[in-house]
């Protein structure tokens, strides 16, 4: 599956999700629960991405463009000193 078709499926999925929420809101009125659906959905999507794209090599994690733990010839985490 190429990039364009995956992107299109993502757009369609998002539009279907928003459309479903709009239909539910029209049928039952705005509820407090709808305010919780969007943050939960966002967290669930990011968690899914993290699980799908997980890496088992600790040196592959990056924070702000730099490695979270520098690569070295010693074991990570380093043994305590003293």
Protein backbone atom coordinates (compact mmCIF):
# COMPACT_ATOMS: atom_id res chain seq x y z
CA UNK A 1 0.00 0.00 0.00
CA UNK A 2 1.55 3.29 -1.02
CA UNK A 3 1.63 6.54 0.94
CA UNK A 4 -1.26 8.21 -0.91
CA UNK A 5 -3.70 5.38 -0.27
CA UNK A 6 -2.71 5.13 3.41
CA UNK A 7 -3.15 8.87 3.81
CA UNK A 8 -6.53 8.68 2.12
CA UNK A 9 -7.62 5.91 4.48
CA UNK A 10 -6.53 7.99 7.45
CA UNK A 11 -8.55 10.96 6.20
CA UNK A 12 -11.61 8.79 5.62
CA UNK A 13 -11.29 7.22 9.06
CA UNK A 14 -11.05 10.62 10.72
CA UNK A 15 -14.02 11.98 8.78
CA UNK A 16 -16.05 8.89 9.66
CA UNK A 17 -15.18 9.36 13.35
CA UNK A 18 -16.21 13.03 13.29
CA UNK A 19 -19.37 12.19 11.35
CA UNK A 20 -20.29 9.49 13.86
CA UNK A 21 -19.84 11.89 16.76
CA UNK A 22 -21.94 14.52 14.95
CA UNK A 23 -24.77 12.01 14.42
CA UNK A 24 -24.64 10.94 18.07
CA UNK A 25 -24.71 14.56 19.20
CA UNK A 26 -27.72 15.31 17.01
CA UNK A 27 -29.58 12.27 18.31
CA UNK A 28 -28.88 12.70 22.02
CA UNK A 29 -27.75 16.29 22.46
CA UNK A 30 -24.36 17.45 23.60
CA UNK A 31 -23.20 15.50 26.60
CA UNK A 32 -20.30 15.76 28.95
CA UNK A 33 -19.01 12.41 27.68
CA UNK A 34 -18.21 13.92 24.28
CA UNK A 35 -15.59 16.13 25.88
CA UNK A 36 -13.82 13.01 27.07
CA UNK A 37 -14.00 11.15 23.75
CA UNK A 38 -11.60 13.43 21.85
CA UNK A 39 -8.72 13.35 24.39
CA UNK A 40 -9.16 9.60 24.93
CA UNK A 41 -9.19 8.98 21.19
CA UNK A 42 -6.04 11.09 20.71
CA UNK A 43 -4.20 9.27 23.49
CA UNK A 44 -5.34 5.91 22.13
CA UNK A 45 -4.06 6.77 18.65
CA UNK A 46 -0.66 7.86 19.96
CA UNK A 47 -0.42 4.78 22.19
CA UNK A 48 -1.24 2.58 19.19
CA UNK A 49 1.48 4.26 17.16
CA UNK A 50 3.91 3.65 20.01
CA UNK A 51 3.01 -0.03 20.22
CA UNK A 52 3.11 -0.57 16.47
CA UNK A 53 6.40 1.27 16.00
CA UNK A 54 8.13 0.15 19.17
CA UNK A 55 11.81 -0.44 19.13
CA UNK A 56 13.70 -2.87 21.29
CA UNK A 57 17.01 -1.07 21.01
CA UNK A 58 17.31 1.66 23.62
CA UNK A 59 19.81 3.61 21.52
CA UNK A 60 17.11 4.25 18.91
CA UNK A 61 15.07 6.58 21.13
CA UNK A 62 15.41 10.27 20.34
CA UNK A 63 14.38 13.38 22.25
CA UNK A 64 14.42 16.74 20.43
CA UNK A 65 16.66 15.35 17.68
CA UNK A 66 19.30 13.90 20.00
CA UNK A 67 19.66 10.37 21.27
CA UNK A 68 17.97 9.91 24.64
CA UNK A 69 20.85 7.76 25.78
CA UNK A 70 24.16 8.23 24.03
CA UNK A 71 25.61 5.24 22.26
CA UNK A 72 28.71 3.92 23.88
CA UNK A 73 30.63 0.71 24.21
CA UNK A 74 29.52 0.31 27.84
CA UNK A 75 26.28 -1.18 29.01
CA UNK A 76 23.30 1.08 29.60
CA UNK A 77 22.47 2.11 32.26
CA UNK A 78 25.98 2.55 33.57
CA UNK A 79 26.79 0.81 36.85
CA UNK A 80 26.62 2.98 39.95
CA UNK A 81 29.88 4.55 41.04
CA UNK A 82 31.12 4.77 44.58
